[in-house]
Protein backbone atom coordinates (compact mmCIF):
# COMPACT_ATOMS: atom_id res chain seq x y z
CA MET A 1 -0.11 24.95 16.76
CA SER A 2 3.58 25.17 17.62
CA ARG A 3 3.67 21.44 18.38
CA ASN A 4 2.28 20.61 14.94
CA LYS A 5 4.82 22.90 13.29
CA ILE A 6 7.61 21.09 15.12
CA ILE A 7 6.23 17.75 13.94
CA LEU A 8 6.08 18.98 10.32
CA ILE A 9 9.67 20.23 10.41
CA ALA A 10 10.87 17.00 12.02
CA LEU A 11 9.11 14.87 9.43
CA SER A 12 10.60 16.92 6.60
CA PHE A 13 14.13 16.43 7.88
CA CYS A 14 13.50 12.73 8.52
CA ILE A 15 12.42 12.14 4.91
CA ILE A 16 15.35 14.16 3.56
CA PHE A 17 17.70 12.19 5.81
CA ILE A 18 16.28 8.90 4.57
CA LEU A 19 17.09 9.97 1.04
CA GLY A 20 20.62 11.01 1.97
CA GLU A 21 23.80 9.08 1.31
CA ASN A 22 24.17 8.04 4.93
CA VAL A 23 20.78 6.35 5.27
CA PHE A 24 22.46 2.98 5.73
CA GLY A 25 25.50 4.25 7.57
CA GLY A 26 28.98 4.17 6.17
CA ASN A 27 31.65 6.79 5.54
CA ASN A 28 30.58 10.35 6.17
CA ASP A 29 33.14 11.71 3.77
CA ILE A 30 31.17 10.56 0.74
CA ALA A 31 29.19 13.56 -0.36
CA ILE A 32 25.69 13.41 -1.81
CA LYS A 33 27.04 15.40 -4.73
CA ASP A 34 29.15 12.39 -5.72
CA THR A 35 26.10 10.15 -5.76
CA VAL A 36 23.93 12.26 -8.01
CA THR A 37 26.55 12.51 -10.72
CA LYS A 38 26.30 8.78 -11.32
CA VAL A 39 23.98 7.12 -13.77
CA ILE A 40 21.22 4.56 -13.58
CA LEU A 41 20.32 1.92 -16.10
CA SER A 42 16.79 1.86 -17.49
CA GLU A 43 15.26 -1.60 -17.23
CA GLU A 44 13.03 -0.96 -20.25
CA THR A 45 15.59 0.33 -22.74
CA GLY A 46 19.00 -0.47 -21.30
CA GLU A 47 19.89 3.22 -21.69
CA GLU A 48 21.82 5.09 -19.02
CA HIS A 49 20.34 8.18 -17.41
CA GLU A 50 21.81 10.64 -14.94
CA LEU A 51 20.52 10.42 -11.39
CA PRO A 52 18.27 13.29 -10.30
CA GLU A 53 19.47 16.04 -7.99
CA LEU A 54 18.33 15.78 -4.38
CA PHE A 55 16.30 19.01 -4.53
CA ILE A 56 13.78 17.48 -6.95
CA VAL A 57 12.50 15.39 -4.03
CA ILE A 58 10.92 18.61 -2.68
CA PRO A 59 7.63 18.18 -4.65
CA PHE A 60 7.23 14.71 -3.12
CA ILE A 61 7.87 15.98 0.42
CA THR A 62 5.53 18.92 -0.22
CA LEU A 63 2.74 16.61 -1.36
CA LEU A 64 3.14 14.36 1.68
CA LEU A 65 3.06 17.33 4.03
CA MET A 66 -0.01 18.79 2.34
CA ILE A 67 -1.83 15.44 2.52
CA ALA A 68 -1.02 15.43 6.23
CA THR A 69 -1.86 19.06 7.02
CA GLY A 70 -4.53 20.00 4.45
CA PRO A 71 -7.52 18.40 6.22
CA ILE A 72 -6.46 20.06 9.51
CA PHE A 73 -5.22 23.59 8.79
CA TYR A 74 -6.81 24.55 5.45
CA HIS A 75 -9.65 22.07 5.05
CA HIS A 76 -11.81 24.14 2.68
CA PHE A 77 -8.94 24.80 0.28
CA TRP A 78 -7.76 21.19 0.38
CA VAL A 79 -11.16 19.61 -0.24
CA HIS A 80 -11.74 21.77 -3.32
CA HIS A 81 -8.22 21.90 -4.76
CA TYR A 82 -6.32 18.72 -3.82
CA PRO A 83 -6.52 17.40 -7.43
CA LYS A 84 -4.88 20.58 -8.73
CA VAL A 85 -2.18 20.42 -6.05
CA ALA A 86 -1.31 16.79 -6.78
CA ILE A 87 -1.19 17.35 -10.55
CA ALA A 88 0.77 20.62 -10.28
CA LEU A 89 3.47 19.04 -8.12
CA GLY A 90 3.59 16.09 -10.50
CA ILE A 91 4.10 18.44 -13.44
CA VAL A 92 7.17 19.92 -11.74
CA THR A 93 8.76 16.46 -11.67
CA VAL A 94 7.67 15.69 -15.25
CA VAL A 95 9.24 18.91 -16.57
CA TYR A 96 12.50 18.17 -14.73
CA TYR A 97 12.76 14.65 -16.15
CA LEU A 98 11.97 15.77 -19.68
CA ALA A 99 13.85 19.06 -19.85
CA VAL A 100 16.83 18.42 -17.54
CA LEU A 101 17.43 14.65 -17.46
CA ASN A 102 15.97 13.88 -20.90
CA ASP A 103 14.53 10.74 -19.35
CA PRO A 104 10.95 10.04 -20.51
CA HIS A 105 11.36 6.31 -19.81
CA SER A 106 11.20 6.71 -16.03
CA LEU A 107 7.99 8.69 -16.44
CA LEU A 108 6.43 6.09 -18.74
CA HIS A 109 7.41 3.30 -16.37
CA SER A 110 5.78 5.15 -13.46
CA LEU A 111 2.68 5.81 -15.58
CA ALA A 112 2.40 2.10 -16.37
CA GLU A 113 2.66 1.24 -12.66
CA TYR A 114 0.03 3.85 -11.82
CA LEU A 115 -2.42 2.59 -14.45
CA SER A 116 -1.98 -0.96 -13.17
CA PHE A 117 -2.47 0.28 -9.59
CA ILE A 118 -5.62 2.29 -10.30
CA ALA A 119 -7.08 -0.38 -12.59
CA LEU A 120 -6.87 -2.95 -9.79
CA LEU A 121 -8.14 -0.64 -7.05
CA GLY A 122 -10.88 0.86 -9.20
CA SER A 123 -12.22 -2.45 -10.51
CA LEU A 124 -12.24 -4.03 -7.03
CA PHE A 125 -13.88 -0.91 -5.58
CA VAL A 126 -16.73 -0.95 -8.11
CA ALA A 127 -17.21 -4.74 -8.08
CA ALA A 128 -17.29 -4.88 -4.28
CA GLY A 129 -19.62 -1.86 -4.21
CA GLY A 130 -22.26 -3.99 -5.95
CA ILE A 131 -22.19 -6.63 -3.21
CA PHE A 132 -24.30 -6.18 -0.08
CA VAL A 133 -23.30 -8.02 3.09
CA ARG A 134 -25.06 -7.65 6.43
CA VAL A 135 -23.96 -9.60 9.48
CA ASN A 136 -26.96 -9.68 11.82
CA LYS A 137 -24.99 -10.38 14.97
CA LYS A 138 -24.33 -8.33 18.06
CA ALA A 139 -20.95 -6.63 17.68
CA THR A 140 -19.12 -7.98 20.71
CA PRO A 141 -15.31 -7.86 20.96
CA PHE A 142 -15.13 -11.57 20.17
CA VAL A 143 -17.40 -11.27 17.10
CA ASN A 144 -15.30 -8.35 15.84
CA VAL A 145 -12.12 -10.39 16.30
CA LEU A 146 -13.61 -13.21 14.23
CA PHE A 147 -14.71 -10.70 11.57
CA LEU A 148 -11.21 -9.18 11.32
CA LEU A 149 -9.63 -12.64 11.26
CA PHE A 150 -11.91 -13.62 8.36
CA GLY A 151 -10.94 -10.40 6.56
CA ALA A 152 -7.24 -11.17 7.05
CA LEU A 153 -7.68 -14.66 5.59
CA ILE A 154 -9.66 -13.67 2.50
CA SER A 155 -7.29 -10.76 1.79
CA ASN A 156 -4.87 -13.44 0.60
CA VAL A 157 -7.47 -14.67 -1.90
CA ILE A 158 -9.01 -11.45 -3.24
CA GLY A 159 -6.27 -9.03 -2.20
CA THR A 160 -6.21 -6.49 0.59
CA THR A 161 -8.09 -4.04 -1.64
CA GLY A 162 -10.83 -6.55 -2.48
CA ALA A 163 -11.24 -7.63 1.14
CA SER A 164 -11.29 -4.03 2.37
CA MET A 165 -13.91 -2.88 -0.11
CA LEU A 166 -16.07 -5.98 0.47
CA LEU A 167 -16.03 -5.90 4.26
CA ILE A 168 -15.68 -2.29 5.43
CA ARG A 169 -19.37 -1.41 4.98
CA PRO A 170 -20.80 -4.49 6.76
CA TYR A 171 -18.20 -3.94 9.49
CA ILE A 172 -19.44 -0.37 9.99
CA ILE A 173 -23.09 -1.45 9.96
CA MET A 174 -22.46 -4.27 12.44
CA ASN A 175 -20.79 -1.82 14.86
CA ARG A 176 -23.16 1.08 14.14
CA ASN A 177 -24.11 1.61 17.82
CA ARG A 178 -20.54 1.45 19.10
CA ILE A 179 -18.32 2.48 16.19
CA LYS A 180 -15.13 4.33 17.17
CA PRO A 181 -12.07 5.39 15.16
CA TYR A 182 -10.00 2.51 16.57
CA HIS A 183 -12.39 0.04 14.91
CA ILE A 184 -11.38 1.42 11.52
CA ILE A 185 -7.70 1.75 12.42
CA PHE A 186 -7.43 -1.92 13.33
CA PHE A 187 -9.40 -2.81 10.19
CA ILE A 188 -6.72 -0.98 8.17
CA PHE A 189 -3.93 -2.67 10.14
CA ILE A 190 -5.30 -6.20 9.75
CA VAL A 191 -7.50 -6.44 6.64
CA SER A 192 -6.00 -3.70 4.45
CA ASN A 193 -2.36 -4.58 5.12
CA ILE A 194 -0.90 -7.28 7.37
CA GLY A 195 -3.54 -9.88 6.53
CA GLY A 196 -2.44 -10.05 2.89
CA ALA A 197 1.14 -11.19 3.55
CA LEU A 198 0.71 -14.88 2.66
CA THR A 199 0.24 -14.92 -1.12
CA PRO A 200 1.30 -12.84 -4.14
CA ILE A 201 -2.39 -11.98 -4.63
CA GLY A 202 -2.51 -10.46 -1.17
CA ASP A 203 -0.41 -7.34 -1.72
CA PRO A 204 1.15 -5.70 -4.82
CA PRO A 205 4.85 -5.99 -3.78
CA LEU A 206 4.51 -9.75 -3.36
CA PHE A 207 2.89 -10.01 -6.78
CA LEU A 208 5.76 -8.07 -8.35
CA GLY A 209 8.12 -10.55 -6.72
CA PHE A 210 6.11 -13.37 -8.29
CA LEU A 211 6.36 -11.73 -11.71
CA ARG A 212 10.14 -11.51 -11.28
CA GLY A 213 10.45 -15.22 -10.51
CA VAL A 214 9.73 -15.78 -6.80
CA PRO A 215 7.71 -19.06 -6.64
CA PHE A 216 4.00 -18.50 -5.92
CA PHE A 217 3.90 -20.56 -2.70
CA TRP A 218 7.28 -19.34 -1.43
CA VAL A 219 5.63 -16.51 0.49
CA PHE A 220 3.26 -18.77 2.41
CA GLY A 221 5.97 -21.27 3.29
CA ASN A 222 8.40 -18.62 4.54
CA VAL A 223 6.15 -15.99 6.09
CA TRP A 224 3.23 -17.79 7.76
CA TYR A 225 5.05 -18.32 11.06
CA ILE A 226 5.77 -14.56 11.22
CA TRP A 227 2.30 -13.59 9.98
CA LEU A 228 0.38 -15.76 12.45
CA PRO A 229 1.84 -14.51 15.77
CA THR A 230 1.78 -10.93 14.49
CA LEU A 231 -1.89 -11.27 13.59
CA ILE A 232 -2.75 -12.95 16.91
CA LEU A 233 -0.97 -10.20 18.84
CA LEU A 234 -2.79 -7.47 16.91
CA LEU A 235 -6.16 -9.17 17.41
CA PHE A 236 -5.44 -9.46 21.14
CA VAL A 237 -4.63 -5.73 21.38
CA PHE A 238 -7.84 -4.96 19.47
CA TYR A 239 -9.83 -7.22 21.82
CA VAL A 240 -8.49 -5.26 24.81
CA PHE A 241 -9.47 -1.96 23.16
CA ASP A 242 -12.91 -3.22 22.23
CA SER A 243 -13.59 -4.69 25.67
CA PHE A 244 -13.77 -1.17 27.12
CA ASN A 245 -16.34 -0.07 24.52
CA LYS A 246 -19.83 -0.27 26.08
CA GLY A 247 -21.52 1.18 23.01
CA ASN A 248 -24.54 3.48 22.90
CA ASN A 249 -26.64 2.61 25.92
CA ASN A 250 -29.39 5.05 24.90
CA ASN A 251 -30.66 2.67 22.21
CA GLN A 252 -33.00 -0.17 23.03
CA GLU A 253 -31.51 -3.64 22.91
CA GLU A 254 -31.84 -4.99 19.37
CA GLU A 255 -32.81 -8.48 18.47
CA PHE A 256 -30.27 -10.35 16.37
CA THR A 257 -31.04 -13.32 14.16
CA GLY A 258 -27.44 -14.41 13.76
CA LYS A 259 -27.90 -14.63 9.99
CA ILE A 260 -25.58 -13.29 7.31
CA GLU A 261 -27.38 -11.57 4.43
CA PHE A 262 -25.62 -11.60 1.05
CA LYS A 263 -26.76 -9.96 -2.21
CA GLY A 264 -25.04 -9.27 -5.54
CA MET A 265 -23.79 -12.72 -6.50
CA LYS A 266 -23.01 -11.68 -10.09
CA ASN A 267 -20.47 -9.22 -8.76
CA VAL A 268 -18.64 -12.13 -7.16
CA GLY A 269 -18.09 -13.26 -10.74
CA TYR A 270 -16.59 -9.87 -11.52
CA LEU A 271 -14.24 -10.25 -8.54
CA VAL A 272 -13.13 -13.64 -9.86
CA ILE A 273 -12.46 -12.11 -13.31
CA ILE A 274 -10.37 -9.34 -11.72
CA ILE A 275 -8.29 -11.76 -9.67
CA LEU A 276 -7.70 -14.07 -12.64
CA SER A 277 -6.80 -11.12 -14.88
CA VAL A 278 -3.97 -10.25 -12.48
CA PHE A 279 -2.06 -13.19 -13.95
CA ILE A 280 -2.62 -12.15 -17.58
CA ASP A 281 0.87 -10.79 -17.96
CA PRO A 282 3.65 -11.56 -20.48
CA ASN A 283 5.98 -12.23 -17.54
CA VAL A 284 3.70 -15.04 -16.33
CA PHE A 285 2.46 -16.52 -19.61
CA SER A 286 4.51 -16.11 -22.77
CA TRP A 287 1.40 -16.31 -24.96
CA VAL A 288 0.01 -13.06 -23.51
CA PRO A 289 0.73 -10.29 -26.04
CA SER A 290 2.54 -7.18 -24.90
CA LEU A 291 1.00 -3.87 -25.90
CA ALA A 292 4.29 -1.96 -25.60
CA PRO A 293 4.98 0.91 -26.06
CA LEU A 294 1.51 1.55 -24.58
CA PRO A 295 1.73 2.04 -20.78
CA PHE A 296 -0.89 -0.64 -20.13
CA GLY A 297 -1.61 -4.22 -21.12
CA ILE A 298 -4.41 -6.74 -21.61
CA ARG A 299 -4.74 -7.00 -17.83
CA GLU A 300 -5.55 -3.33 -17.38
CA ILE A 301 -8.01 -3.35 -20.29
CA ILE A 302 -9.89 -6.23 -18.65
CA MET A 303 -9.95 -4.48 -15.27
CA PHE A 304 -11.20 -1.16 -16.65
CA SER A 305 -13.84 -3.06 -18.65
CA VAL A 306 -14.99 -4.87 -15.51
CA MET A 307 -15.23 -1.52 -13.74
CA PHE A 308 -17.53 -0.21 -16.46
CA PHE A 309 -19.79 -3.25 -16.76
CA ALA A 310 -19.93 -3.89 -13.00
CA PHE A 311 -21.23 -0.37 -12.40
CA LYS A 312 -23.63 -0.33 -15.35
CA GLY A 313 -25.09 -3.72 -14.42
CA ALA A 314 -25.15 -3.21 -10.65
CA ASP A 315 -28.35 -3.51 -8.64
CA GLN A 316 -29.33 0.07 -7.83
CA GLU A 317 -30.86 -0.98 -4.52
CA ILE A 318 -27.53 -2.50 -3.45
CA LEU A 319 -25.62 0.61 -4.49
CA LYS A 320 -28.06 2.72 -2.49
CA ALA A 321 -27.82 0.43 0.55
CA ASN A 322 -24.00 0.65 0.37
CA GLU A 323 -24.19 4.44 -0.10
CA PHE A 324 -21.94 3.88 -3.09
CA ASP A 325 -20.33 6.78 -4.93
CA PHE A 326 -17.03 7.39 -6.72
CA GLU A 327 -15.57 9.98 -4.33
CA PRO A 328 -13.23 7.55 -2.48
CA ILE A 329 -11.66 6.17 -5.66
CA LYS A 330 -11.55 9.69 -7.15
CA GLU A 331 -9.55 10.91 -4.15
CA VAL A 332 -7.14 7.98 -4.43
CA ALA A 333 -6.77 8.46 -8.19
CA TYR A 334 -5.82 12.14 -7.95
CA LEU A 335 -3.55 11.93 -4.92
CA PHE A 336 -1.70 8.82 -6.07
CA ILE A 337 -1.00 10.11 -9.57
CA GLY A 338 0.87 12.90 -7.80
CA ILE A 339 2.56 10.45 -5.45
CA PHE A 340 3.60 8.05 -8.22
CA ILE A 341 5.18 10.85 -10.27
CA THR A 342 6.85 12.86 -7.51
CA MET A 343 8.32 9.78 -5.81
CA ILE A 344 10.31 8.78 -8.93
CA PRO A 345 13.47 10.68 -7.93
CA ALA A 346 13.15 9.51 -4.31
CA LEU A 347 13.01 5.87 -5.39
CA GLN A 348 15.93 6.25 -7.80
CA LEU A 349 18.15 7.90 -5.19
CA ILE A 350 17.24 5.25 -2.62
CA ALA A 351 17.89 2.44 -5.11
CA ASN A 352 21.30 3.90 -5.94
CA VAL A 353 22.32 4.17 -2.30
CA ALA A 354 21.01 0.67 -1.55
CA THR A 355 22.95 -0.81 -4.44
CA GLU A 356 26.19 0.96 -3.49
CA ARG A 357 25.92 -0.17 0.14
CA ALA A 358 24.58 -3.67 -0.54
CA ASP A 359 27.70 -5.25 0.95
CA ILE A 360 26.96 -3.85 4.42
CA LEU A 361 23.19 -4.41 4.40
CA THR A 362 22.01 -7.01 6.91
CA ALA A 363 18.60 -8.66 7.21
CA GLY A 364 17.75 -6.21 9.98
CA VAL A 365 18.69 -3.21 7.85
CA PHE A 366 16.65 -4.55 4.94
CA TYR A 367 13.70 -5.03 7.30
CA TRP A 368 13.74 -1.53 8.79
CA ALA A 369 14.75 0.32 5.61
CA THR A 370 12.12 -1.42 3.47
CA GLY A 371 9.52 -0.92 6.19
CA ALA A 372 10.26 2.74 6.90
CA LEU A 373 10.07 3.68 3.24
CA SER A 374 7.04 1.48 2.53
CA GLY A 375 5.07 3.62 4.96
CA PHE A 376 5.62 6.77 2.90
CA LEU A 377 6.50 5.54 -0.58
CA ASP A 378 4.59 3.00 -2.63
CA ASN A 379 5.61 -0.36 -1.15
CA ALA A 380 5.76 -2.16 -4.51
CA PRO A 381 8.74 -0.30 -6.08
CA THR A 382 10.35 -0.08 -2.62
CA TYR A 383 10.20 -3.87 -2.45
CA LEU A 384 11.81 -4.20 -5.89
CA ASN A 385 14.58 -1.71 -5.11
CA PHE A 386 15.67 -3.51 -1.96
CA LEU A 387 15.27 -6.93 -3.56
CA SER A 388 17.60 -5.74 -6.32
CA ALA A 389 20.10 -4.53 -3.70
CA ALA A 390 19.92 -7.85 -1.83
CA MET A 391 20.53 -9.81 -5.03
CA GLY A 392 23.45 -7.51 -5.79
CA LYS A 393 25.24 -8.94 -2.75
CA TYR A 394 25.60 -12.16 -4.79
CA SER A 395 26.12 -10.48 -8.20
CA LEU A 396 22.65 -11.58 -9.33
CA ASP A 397 20.28 -9.61 -11.58
CA ILE A 398 16.66 -9.02 -10.57
CA ASN A 399 15.68 -8.87 -14.26
CA VAL A 400 16.76 -12.51 -14.85
CA LYS A 401 14.30 -15.09 -13.54
CA ALA A 402 16.99 -17.75 -13.20
CA ASP A 403 18.95 -15.37 -10.96
CA VAL A 404 15.86 -14.73 -8.82
CA LEU A 405 15.33 -18.47 -8.38
CA GLU A 406 18.98 -18.92 -7.47
CA PHE A 407 18.72 -16.08 -4.94
CA VAL A 408 15.62 -17.62 -3.34
CA GLN A 409 17.49 -20.89 -2.88
CA HIS A 410 20.73 -19.19 -1.84
CA ASP A 411 19.74 -17.04 1.12
CA ILE A 412 16.06 -16.48 1.88
CA ILE A 413 16.40 -14.33 5.01
CA TYR A 414 16.84 -11.13 2.98
CA LEU A 415 13.80 -11.81 0.80
CA ARG A 416 11.80 -12.76 3.88
CA ALA A 417 12.74 -9.51 5.63
CA ILE A 418 11.90 -7.41 2.56
CA SER A 419 8.59 -9.22 1.95
CA VAL A 420 7.39 -8.95 5.53
CA ALA A 421 8.41 -5.31 5.91
CA ALA A 422 6.90 -4.15 2.61
CA VAL A 423 3.49 -5.56 3.55
CA PHE A 424 3.43 -4.97 7.32
CA PHE A 425 4.71 -1.39 7.30
CA GLY A 426 2.15 -0.33 4.70
CA ALA A 427 -0.16 0.07 7.71
CA MET A 428 1.98 2.82 9.23
CA THR A 429 0.30 5.72 7.36
CA TYR A 430 -2.80 6.43 5.29
CA ILE A 431 -0.66 6.49 2.14
CA GLY A 432 1.30 3.31 2.91
CA ASN A 433 -1.13 1.21 0.87
CA GLY A 434 -3.92 2.06 -1.57
CA PRO A 435 -6.80 0.54 0.45
CA ASN A 436 -5.91 2.63 3.51
CA PHE A 437 -7.00 5.88 1.90
CA MET A 438 -10.11 4.31 0.38
CA VAL A 439 -11.23 2.89 3.73
CA LYS A 440 -10.63 6.28 5.38
CA SER A 441 -12.66 8.07 2.71
CA ILE A 442 -15.58 5.60 2.91
CA CYS A 443 -15.69 5.90 6.70
CA GLU A 444 -15.62 9.69 6.65
CA ARG A 445 -18.51 9.72 4.19
CA ALA A 446 -20.35 7.40 6.59
CA GLY A 447 -20.02 10.06 9.30
CA ILE A 448 -17.11 8.52 11.24
CA LYS A 449 -14.60 11.12 12.43
CA MET A 450 -11.26 9.64 11.39
CA PRO A 451 -7.94 10.75 12.92
CA SER A 452 -5.73 13.07 10.91
CA PHE A 453 -2.57 11.90 9.15
CA PHE A 454 -0.40 12.66 12.19
CA SER A 455 -2.96 11.46 14.75
CA TYR A 456 -3.15 8.15 12.90
CA MET A 457 0.62 7.78 13.30
CA PHE A 458 1.22 9.17 16.78
CA LYS A 459 -1.93 7.84 18.48
CA TYR A 460 -2.21 4.46 16.75
CA SER A 461 0.36 3.11 14.30
CA ILE A 462 3.54 4.11 16.17
CA PRO A 463 2.49 3.07 19.71
CA ILE A 464 0.69 -0.09 18.56
CA LEU A 465 2.55 -1.37 15.49
CA ILE A 466 6.16 -0.35 16.17
CA PRO A 467 6.47 -2.42 19.41
CA ILE A 468 5.06 -5.42 17.54
CA PHE A 469 7.42 -4.83 14.61
CA ILE A 470 10.34 -4.58 17.03
CA ILE A 471 9.38 -7.99 18.45
CA VAL A 472 9.24 -9.40 14.89
CA TRP A 473 12.69 -7.95 14.18
CA ALA A 474 14.19 -9.21 17.45
CA ILE A 475 12.96 -12.78 16.91
CA PHE A 476 13.42 -13.21 13.15
CA PHE A 477 15.81 -10.61 11.71
CA ARG A 478 18.19 -9.24 14.35
């Protein structure tokens, strides 16, 4: 118990330190007080708003700590009341922004991002839930490596969320006689995160970069040679882990046909609609109408409609075979509405510090700072904040597409570091990327005992991923 308390206290101070003025180094005589008296410019309205005080980050830190400790120390309370906790902490931030800062625009912007986030995750979750895949092969280490490699590849086509929701159930079924927590952890590492680093469809931060003006195929051309060795190294580590797994020897040897069973073809059509609707945005096509001041657009309407029709028209036998229910997406929806709201002041303070210190930020600093924060904050706005800071080094504006194109041509190492870190480091925690929590929830409902928030970090992500990320940094960004 004392060890866990020490870990909690250490994590609290680490997050507070990250948000401090000295996160990127520099003069110690610049007080945090001086930073928070400055103003930020709203992208939506052009109005200036005062920066939040540092103490208002407490609801965000509290929510993170409760997500980490709730399932361990007060499981019964957490299971029954986590929606109330997330909403209550969010309300604290909402009241502060409305009553103290008089800044409803930041709240509306975060609401719009949340609705876009949950529309994509929810529609992919329901559409994939109506597809049944069974791989009738013996789950050997080599077969599992091929399965994870396939998941990494298609995550660039249907997104890490789509690939995760489509493949996690057949992956569990295929390994049913030998399933261990590490199987799921590596699935999260590879399919839910790192696999989707090659295209803007793969992961939300890359898509936001595309909307701002980063060419669609820029990511593939500038990241593949980092992505490939990282993926190979991770698959090799997984193969070593899986080679020691002898499975359940009490069961009789099964006969395998080698066939792949696939049902629910109409839901593939729904997946295609979801992926295409991602591009229905006024920033991509000028003919797409904006629904402002509403906090959603045509894209979100399409996605929520697909969610409804995909569930209503789904084959009940497939839903039953997949043990489909809405609990995983419900858990994500409640927890992330709290995260999206309470992280607003954290993101604004980080963005301010990053902008002020842009002149001393190197590719290595961008890599580690973007990565460290992407593991605990939503990686999409973290990506945009550091991209804005990097462009500020050349007096360029992230809100001007011509400036983004000039930046891409001017010095790509910063954008490469930010892009790689935002996607890769999302695997560091359960909350680093939306699919992580959904995969965890699905596996727990399937009877798999998943590691706690801290166990995930200290037993898996830190000892496995950090050495690999250090190698990536040393070769490409030092």
